[in-house]
Amino acid sequence: MPAELCVALVAGEASGDILGAGLMRALRARHPRVRFIGVGGPRMEAEGLRSYFPMERLAVMGLVEVLGRLRELLARRKQLVQTLLEARPDVFIGIDAPDFTLAIEARMHREGIKAVHYVSPSVWAWRQKRVLKIREGCDLMLTLFPFEARFYEEKGVPVRFVGHSLADQIPLQADRAQARESLGLAPEGPVVALMPGSRGGEVRRLGALFFDTAQRLLAARPSLRFVVPCASPERRGQLQALLAGRSLPITLLDGQSHEALAACDAVLIASGTATLEALLYKRPMVVAYRLAPLTWWMLKRMVTSPYVSLPNLLAQRALVPEILQDAATPEALAEALLPLLDNPGEQTAGFDAIHRTLRQDASNQAADAVLQLLAR
């Protein structure tokens, strides 16, 4: 019987939890005796991960925002490294959360434990010198997107493009009528999904802005209806408070973001992973974002990429409107979104081509790459 394989994984937020769970399933299908330790969310725990502490303690966004949690994050990382060195896993896999996981990977690598990073940090956009540390401390980089793999190949980092598991899961053609029926929405008439983010800070900065935009859209198109998927009960409470006193035809959903995207005709959306989901559902979108002023000031001076949203990065052109920070006003957002209700074709054609490129059976590709690394 093969020896037991011990795999350590650390994911920092919900998107990483999804990727980690898929990878764990694929590894278990290939290896009869595998044990998982580390940090993950409910999906990874359901696949058998023993999580040393709640994944939510790592979910923090923005340069300034991290400072308030820095002491806790450093302490948790130090304790986690000690625990992992005692456990001596066969491989450590950091899933996203690069500011937390890359240092762990480097330490594991120095101690003779294979280190893999799954989901490239945005080194091609800012802080490019990080690639030197990645090359020294990471045995394998698994990228979701092809342009990332090309960047690492040029820098001499062992890399494999595995595709994105969401591209595998989401059908090439979503059934809008079925989605509307499942959500109790009228089969006819235009629907706009409002997606101001899954974090409390995002909803605080974008929630009222999106509702103000909805009021402008409704004034121009009285037949419009809106759906808002709420990432958690806490976000639902936030959004309900922001809706108080407004008269808008809005349906709040508990989760169900994929159903909302399948049901809608267009999306007003916060920059982030959800923009990829909207792309895969072929729904035309306007991307908006606001950060803490100091974080925004610092990032403007550090980012070299001309785009911030995944659809534009993947297309390598301005496929979707990006309206950011002070430019993100209700007037600007409504003006950008209204034409997409009538003429979505250019965006959606680009989305379809990207979807087909990303369909690579990602979880199985990633599992094969990890096991090949261990075999070497």
Protein backbone atom coordinates (compact mmCIF):
# COMPACT_ATOMS: atom_id res chain seq x y z
CA MET A 1 0.00 0.00 0.00
CA PRO A 2 1.37 3.49 -0.84
CA ALA A 3 2.63 5.60 2.04
CA GLU A 4 0.31 8.27 3.41
CA LEU A 5 0.64 11.63 1.68
CA CYS A 6 0.40 14.68 3.95
CA VAL A 7 -0.63 17.86 2.15
CA ALA A 8 -0.66 21.23 3.91
CA LEU A 9 -2.82 23.97 2.38
CA VAL A 10 -3.54 27.56 3.41
CA ALA A 11 -6.35 29.59 1.82
CA GLY A 12 -7.17 33.15 2.82
CA GLU A 13 -10.67 33.83 1.50
CA ALA A 14 -13.76 32.30 -0.09
CA SER A 15 -12.36 32.06 -3.63
CA GLY A 16 -9.30 30.22 -2.31
CA ASP A 17 -11.55 27.90 -0.31
CA ILE A 18 -13.32 26.89 -3.54
CA LEU A 19 -10.03 26.25 -5.37
CA GLY A 20 -8.59 24.38 -2.40
CA ALA A 21 -11.59 22.09 -2.10
CA GLY A 22 -11.42 21.20 -5.79
CA LEU A 23 -7.70 20.47 -5.56
CA MET A 24 -8.23 18.31 -2.48
CA ARG A 25 -10.89 16.23 -4.24
CA ALA A 26 -8.62 15.73 -7.25
CA LEU A 27 -5.65 14.73 -5.07
CA ARG A 28 -7.75 12.22 -3.14
CA ALA A 29 -8.97 10.69 -6.40
CA ARG A 30 -5.35 10.11 -7.42
CA HIS A 31 -3.85 9.02 -4.09
CA PRO A 32 -5.58 6.44 -1.87
CA ARG A 33 -4.07 7.71 1.38
CA VAL A 34 -3.90 11.48 1.70
CA ARG A 35 -4.24 13.69 4.78
CA PHE A 36 -4.89 17.45 4.70
CA ILE A 37 -3.81 20.02 7.28
CA GLY A 38 -3.53 23.84 7.30
CA VAL A 39 -6.07 26.67 7.11
CA GLY A 40 -9.20 26.79 5.00
CA GLY A 41 -12.89 27.53 4.94
CA PRO A 42 -16.03 25.39 5.07
CA ARG A 43 -15.56 23.81 1.63
CA MET A 44 -12.01 22.66 2.40
CA GLU A 45 -13.07 21.45 5.82
CA ALA A 46 -15.86 19.45 4.19
CA GLU A 47 -13.20 17.75 2.07
CA GLY A 48 -11.33 16.70 5.20
CA LEU A 49 -9.02 19.60 6.01
CA ARG A 50 -8.05 20.03 9.63
CA SER A 51 -8.03 23.83 9.86
CA TYR A 52 -5.81 25.21 12.61
CA PHE A 53 -7.79 28.46 12.87
CA PRO A 54 -10.72 30.14 11.04
CA MET A 55 -9.87 31.22 7.51
CA GLU A 56 -11.76 34.50 8.07
CA ARG A 57 -8.88 35.74 10.25
CA LEU A 58 -6.82 36.08 7.04
CA ALA A 59 -9.48 37.87 4.97
CA VAL A 60 -8.32 41.48 4.95
CA MET A 61 -8.05 43.79 1.92
CA GLY A 62 -5.95 46.90 1.29
CA LEU A 63 -2.58 48.21 2.42
CA VAL A 64 -3.88 50.50 5.14
CA GLU A 65 -6.51 48.02 6.32
CA VAL A 66 -3.86 45.34 6.93
CA LEU A 67 -1.98 47.57 9.40
CA GLY A 68 -4.72 47.27 12.00
CA ARG A 69 -4.43 43.48 11.90
CA LEU A 70 -0.69 43.17 11.32
CA ARG A 71 0.29 41.99 14.80
CA GLU A 72 -2.32 39.22 14.76
CA LEU A 73 -1.42 38.13 11.22
CA LEU A 74 2.30 37.91 12.01
CA ALA A 75 1.63 35.96 15.21
CA ARG A 76 -0.64 33.51 13.42
CA ARG A 77 1.90 33.00 10.65
CA LYS A 78 4.71 32.37 13.13
CA GLN A 79 2.65 29.78 15.03
CA LEU A 80 1.49 28.16 11.78
CA VAL A 81 5.07 27.77 10.53
CA GLN A 82 6.08 26.09 13.80
CA THR A 83 3.10 23.73 13.60
CA LEU A 84 3.82 22.81 9.99
CA LEU A 85 7.52 22.20 10.64
CA GLU A 86 6.54 19.80 13.41
CA ALA A 87 4.06 18.03 11.11
CA ARG A 88 6.56 17.84 8.18
CA PRO A 89 4.02 17.62 5.31
CA ASP A 90 5.15 16.28 1.95
CA VAL A 91 4.09 19.52 0.26
CA PHE A 92 2.86 22.94 1.28
CA ILE A 93 0.37 24.69 -1.03
CA GLY A 94 -0.37 28.37 -0.49
CA ILE A 95 -3.63 29.34 -2.18
CA ASP A 96 -3.70 33.04 -3.01
CA ALA A 97 -3.18 35.33 0.07
CA PRO A 98 0.41 35.97 -1.11
CA ASP A 99 1.41 38.39 1.64
CA PHE A 100 0.66 35.64 4.15
CA THR A 101 1.58 32.47 2.26
CA LEU A 102 4.70 33.32 0.23
CA ALA A 103 6.84 33.70 3.36
CA ILE A 104 5.59 30.33 4.60
CA GLU A 105 6.43 28.74 1.26
CA ALA A 106 9.97 30.14 1.39
CA ARG A 107 10.47 28.72 4.89
CA MET A 108 9.11 25.31 3.89
CA HIS A 109 11.38 25.30 0.84
CA ARG A 110 14.44 26.05 2.99
CA GLU A 111 13.46 23.19 5.28
CA GLY A 112 13.28 20.71 2.39
CA ILE A 113 9.49 20.67 2.06
CA LYS A 114 8.14 21.16 -1.47
CA ALA A 115 6.35 24.51 -1.82
CA VAL A 116 3.62 25.31 -4.33
CA HIS A 117 1.75 28.56 -4.84
CA TYR A 118 -1.72 28.31 -6.39
CA VAL A 119 -3.08 31.58 -7.86
CA SER A 120 -0.41 34.04 -8.86
CA PRO A 121 -0.10 37.31 -6.99
CA SER A 122 -0.29 40.38 -9.21
CA VAL A 123 3.48 40.63 -9.64
CA TRP A 124 3.02 41.54 -13.31
CA ALA A 125 1.10 44.66 -12.20
CA TRP A 126 2.98 45.91 -9.14
CA ARG A 127 5.87 45.02 -6.82
CA GLN A 128 7.52 43.02 -9.59
CA LYS A 129 10.60 42.38 -7.43
CA ARG A 130 8.51 39.82 -5.53
CA VAL A 131 9.14 37.44 -8.42
CA LEU A 132 12.74 37.10 -7.21
CA LYS A 133 11.55 35.81 -3.84
CA ILE A 134 9.04 33.54 -5.55
CA ARG A 135 11.80 32.06 -7.71
CA GLU A 136 13.95 31.40 -4.64
CA GLY A 137 11.24 30.00 -2.38
CA CYS A 138 8.62 28.34 -4.58
CA ASP A 139 9.08 24.99 -6.31
CA LEU A 140 6.04 25.46 -8.54
CA MET A 141 3.64 28.27 -9.44
CA LEU A 142 0.16 27.24 -10.58
CA THR A 143 -1.54 30.02 -12.53
CA LEU A 144 -5.20 30.45 -13.39
CA PHE A 145 -4.57 32.62 -16.43
CA PRO A 146 -2.28 32.15 -19.45
CA PHE A 147 -0.75 35.65 -19.41
CA GLU A 148 0.56 34.92 -15.88
CA ALA A 149 2.31 31.72 -17.00
CA ARG A 150 4.07 33.61 -19.78
CA PHE A 151 5.33 36.17 -17.25
CA TYR A 152 6.79 33.50 -14.95
CA GLU A 153 8.39 31.60 -17.81
CA GLU A 154 10.22 34.78 -18.78
CA LYS A 155 11.43 35.16 -15.18
CA GLY A 156 12.66 31.58 -14.85
CA VAL A 157 10.04 30.42 -12.33
CA PRO A 158 8.73 26.83 -12.65
CA VAL A 159 5.12 27.36 -13.67
CA ARG A 160 2.05 25.58 -15.02
CA PHE A 161 -1.12 27.19 -16.38
CA VAL A 162 -3.97 25.04 -15.06
CA GLY A 163 -6.99 27.15 -15.99
CA HIS A 164 -9.75 28.23 -13.65
CA SER A 165 -12.14 25.81 -11.96
CA LEU A 166 -15.01 28.28 -12.34
CA ALA A 167 -14.58 28.12 -16.11
CA ASP A 168 -15.00 24.35 -15.85
CA GLN A 169 -18.09 24.57 -13.62
CA ILE A 170 -20.03 27.37 -15.33
CA PRO A 171 -21.73 26.32 -18.61
CA LEU A 172 -20.77 28.07 -21.82
CA GLN A 173 -24.40 29.11 -22.18
CA ALA A 174 -26.36 29.93 -19.00
CA ASP A 175 -30.13 29.45 -18.88
CA ARG A 176 -31.55 32.89 -18.04
CA ALA A 177 -35.20 31.77 -17.98
CA GLN A 178 -34.50 28.91 -15.58
CA ALA A 179 -32.47 31.17 -13.28
CA ARG A 180 -35.26 33.74 -13.15
CA GLU A 181 -37.78 31.05 -12.34
CA SER A 182 -35.60 29.69 -9.52
CA LEU A 183 -35.30 33.19 -8.01
CA GLY A 184 -38.99 34.01 -8.40
CA LEU A 185 -38.30 36.79 -10.90
CA ALA A 186 -40.60 37.74 -13.77
CA PRO A 187 -39.53 36.03 -17.00
CA GLU A 188 -39.78 39.26 -19.00
CA GLY A 189 -38.23 42.68 -18.45
CA PRO A 190 -34.65 43.82 -17.87
CA VAL A 191 -32.83 42.85 -14.66
CA VAL A 192 -29.60 44.40 -13.39
CA ALA A 193 -27.49 42.64 -10.76
CA LEU A 194 -25.81 44.89 -8.19
CA MET A 195 -22.72 43.29 -6.66
CA PRO A 196 -20.89 45.72 -4.33
CA GLY A 197 -18.55 43.09 -2.87
CA SER A 198 -18.41 40.45 -0.17
CA ARG A 199 -16.40 42.33 2.48
CA GLY A 200 -17.82 44.79 4.97
CA GLY A 201 -15.49 47.55 3.84
CA GLU A 202 -16.45 47.09 0.21
CA VAL A 203 -20.17 47.30 0.99
CA ARG A 204 -19.54 50.35 3.16
CA ARG A 205 -17.78 52.17 0.32
CA LEU A 206 -19.87 50.90 -2.61
CA GLY A 207 -23.32 49.93 -1.32
CA ALA A 208 -24.91 53.39 -1.23
CA LEU A 209 -23.15 54.30 -4.48
CA PHE A 210 -24.67 51.29 -6.23
CA PHE A 211 -28.15 52.05 -4.87
CA ASP A 212 -27.86 55.70 -5.97
CA THR A 213 -26.87 54.40 -9.40
CA ALA A 214 -29.88 52.07 -9.41
CA GLN A 215 -32.18 55.03 -8.79
CA ARG A 216 -30.71 56.83 -11.81
CA LEU A 217 -31.05 53.71 -13.94
CA LEU A 218 -34.66 53.31 -12.87
CA ALA A 219 -35.44 56.91 -13.78
CA ALA A 220 -34.17 56.18 -17.31
CA ARG A 221 -35.70 52.70 -17.55
CA PRO A 222 -38.79 52.39 -15.31
CA SER A 223 -39.19 48.70 -16.17
CA LEU A 224 -35.84 47.78 -14.62
CA ARG A 225 -35.61 45.37 -11.69
CA PHE A 226 -32.56 44.68 -9.52
CA VAL A 227 -31.12 41.69 -7.70
CA VAL A 228 -28.45 41.88 -5.01
CA PRO A 229 -26.77 38.66 -3.85
CA CYS A 230 -25.70 39.05 -0.21
CA ALA A 231 -22.47 37.23 0.61
CA SER A 232 -23.40 36.64 4.27
CA PRO A 233 -26.06 37.55 6.86
CA GLU A 234 -23.79 40.42 7.95
CA ARG A 235 -23.65 41.85 4.43
CA ARG A 236 -27.42 41.46 4.10
CA GLY A 237 -27.88 43.51 7.28
CA GLN A 238 -25.54 46.19 5.93
CA LEU A 239 -27.39 46.37 2.64
CA GLN A 240 -30.83 46.46 4.28
CA ALA A 241 -29.67 49.41 6.38
CA LEU A 242 -28.46 51.23 3.25
CA LEU A 243 -31.80 50.56 1.55
CA ALA A 244 -33.83 52.08 4.38
CA GLY A 245 -35.91 54.98 3.08
CA ARG A 246 -35.34 54.12 -0.58
CA SER A 247 -38.03 52.95 -2.94
CA LEU A 248 -36.30 50.57 -5.30
CA PRO A 249 -37.54 47.31 -6.92
CA ILE A 250 -34.68 45.28 -5.41
CA THR A 251 -34.63 41.60 -4.49
CA LEU A 252 -32.01 40.73 -1.86
CA LEU A 253 -30.71 37.18 -2.16
CA ASP A 254 -28.92 35.02 0.40
CA GLY A 255 -25.81 34.10 -1.54
CA GLN A 256 -26.99 32.81 -4.93
CA SER A 257 -24.57 35.05 -6.82
CA HIS A 258 -24.37 32.59 -9.72
CA GLU A 259 -28.15 32.46 -10.00
CA ALA A 260 -28.25 36.26 -9.97
CA LEU A 261 -25.69 36.43 -12.77
CA ALA A 262 -27.52 33.84 -14.83
CA ALA A 263 -30.81 35.70 -14.37
CA CYS A 264 -29.69 39.26 -15.10
CA ASP A 265 -29.11 41.25 -18.28
CA ALA A 266 -26.22 43.38 -17.01
CA VAL A 267 -24.12 43.81 -13.85
CA LEU A 268 -22.78 46.69 -11.82
CA ILE A 269 -19.96 45.03 -9.95
CA ALA A 270 -17.04 45.61 -7.59
CA SER A 271 -13.61 44.79 -8.98
CA GLY A 272 -12.52 41.34 -7.82
CA THR A 273 -13.12 37.64 -8.41
CA ALA A 274 -16.83 38.23 -9.04
CA THR A 275 -15.96 40.00 -12.31
CA LEU A 276 -14.60 36.69 -13.60
CA GLU A 277 -17.89 35.01 -12.67
CA ALA A 278 -19.84 37.69 -14.54
CA LEU A 279 -17.55 37.17 -17.54
CA LEU A 280 -18.13 33.42 -17.48
CA TYR A 281 -21.89 33.99 -17.39
CA LYS A 282 -21.46 36.31 -20.43
CA ARG A 283 -23.20 39.21 -18.67
CA PRO A 284 -22.11 42.72 -19.75
CA MET A 285 -20.72 44.67 -16.84
CA VAL A 286 -19.45 47.95 -15.49
CA VAL A 287 -16.69 47.57 -12.91
CA ALA A 288 -16.40 50.03 -10.03
CA TYR A 289 -14.18 50.23 -6.97
CA ARG A 290 -13.28 52.53 -4.12
CA LEU A 291 -10.48 52.08 -1.59
CA ALA A 292 -9.46 53.95 1.52
CA PRO A 293 -7.94 57.23 0.23
CA LEU A 294 -4.42 56.47 1.49
CA THR A 295 -4.49 52.95 0.03
CA TRP A 296 -5.62 54.38 -3.31
CA TRP A 297 -2.88 57.04 -3.25
CA MET A 298 -0.22 54.42 -2.59
CA LEU A 299 -1.48 51.94 -5.20
CA LYS A 300 -1.64 54.60 -7.94
CA ARG A 301 2.10 55.04 -7.53
CA MET A 302 2.90 51.33 -7.44
CA VAL A 303 0.68 49.72 -10.09
CA THR A 304 2.11 49.43 -13.60
CA SER A 305 -0.81 47.60 -15.28
CA PRO A 306 -3.22 49.80 -17.27
CA TYR A 307 -6.18 47.67 -16.04
CA VAL A 308 -7.48 46.50 -12.68
CA SER A 309 -10.38 44.19 -13.59
CA LEU A 310 -9.87 40.56 -14.59
CA PRO A 311 -11.88 40.83 -17.83
CA ASN A 312 -9.60 43.59 -19.12
CA LEU A 313 -6.44 41.87 -17.92
CA LEU A 314 -7.48 38.68 -19.68
CA ALA A 315 -8.51 40.49 -22.86
CA GLN A 316 -5.44 42.74 -22.68
CA ARG A 317 -7.68 45.62 -23.75
CA ALA A 318 -10.45 47.82 -22.34
CA LEU A 319 -13.22 45.28 -22.82
CA VAL A 320 -15.31 46.52 -19.85
CA PRO A 321 -15.58 50.03 -18.34
CA GLU A 322 -13.54 50.49 -15.16
CA ILE A 323 -14.74 53.45 -13.07
CA LEU A 324 -12.66 53.88 -9.95
CA GLN A 325 -12.39 55.95 -6.79
CA ASP A 326 -13.58 59.58 -7.18
CA ALA A 327 -14.64 58.95 -10.78
CA ALA A 328 -17.14 56.37 -9.51
CA THR A 329 -20.25 58.54 -9.26
CA PRO A 330 -23.88 57.47 -9.78
CA GLU A 331 -24.01 59.56 -12.96
CA ALA A 332 -20.88 57.96 -14.45
CA LEU A 333 -21.89 54.42 -13.54
CA ALA A 334 -25.43 54.78 -14.92
CA GLU A 335 -24.16 56.38 -18.12
CA ALA A 336 -21.75 53.48 -18.69
CA LEU A 337 -24.26 50.74 -17.89
CA LEU A 338 -27.37 51.85 -19.79
CA PRO A 339 -25.95 51.20 -23.30
CA LEU A 340 -25.01 47.65 -22.30
CA LEU A 341 -28.67 46.76 -21.84
CA ASP A 342 -29.22 47.40 -25.55
CA ASN A 343 -25.86 46.45 -27.06
CA PRO A 344 -24.04 43.78 -25.03
CA GLY A 345 -22.54 42.00 -28.02
CA GLU A 346 -18.95 43.25 -28.08
CA GLN A 347 -18.39 42.44 -24.42
CA THR A 348 -20.09 39.06 -24.49
CA ALA A 349 -18.23 37.87 -27.60
CA GLY A 350 -14.96 38.66 -25.84
CA PHE A 351 -16.18 36.88 -22.71
CA ASP A 352 -16.97 33.71 -24.65
CA ALA A 353 -13.48 33.52 -26.17
CA ILE A 354 -11.88 33.95 -22.73
CA HIS A 355 -14.16 31.31 -21.17
CA ARG A 356 -13.06 28.72 -23.71
CA THR A 357 -9.39 29.52 -23.06
CA LEU A 358 -9.79 29.07 -19.30
CA ARG A 359 -11.60 25.71 -19.56
CA GLN A 360 -8.67 23.41 -18.76
CA ASP A 361 -10.08 21.01 -16.08
CA ALA A 362 -8.22 23.09 -13.48
CA SER A 363 -8.48 20.98 -10.32
CA ASN A 364 -7.23 17.85 -12.07
CA GLN A 365 -4.47 19.79 -13.85
CA ALA A 366 -3.34 21.26 -10.51
CA ALA A 367 -3.41 17.86 -8.78
CA ASP A 368 -1.36 16.29 -11.56
CA ALA A 369 1.19 19.10 -11.36
CA VAL A 370 1.55 18.71 -7.57
CA LEU A 371 2.00 14.93 -7.76
CA GLN A 372 4.50 15.28 -10.62
CA LEU A 373 6.47 17.71 -8.48
CA LEU A 374 6.52 15.22 -5.61
CA ALA A 375 7.54 12.40 -7.94
CA ARG A 376 10.58 14.41 -9.02
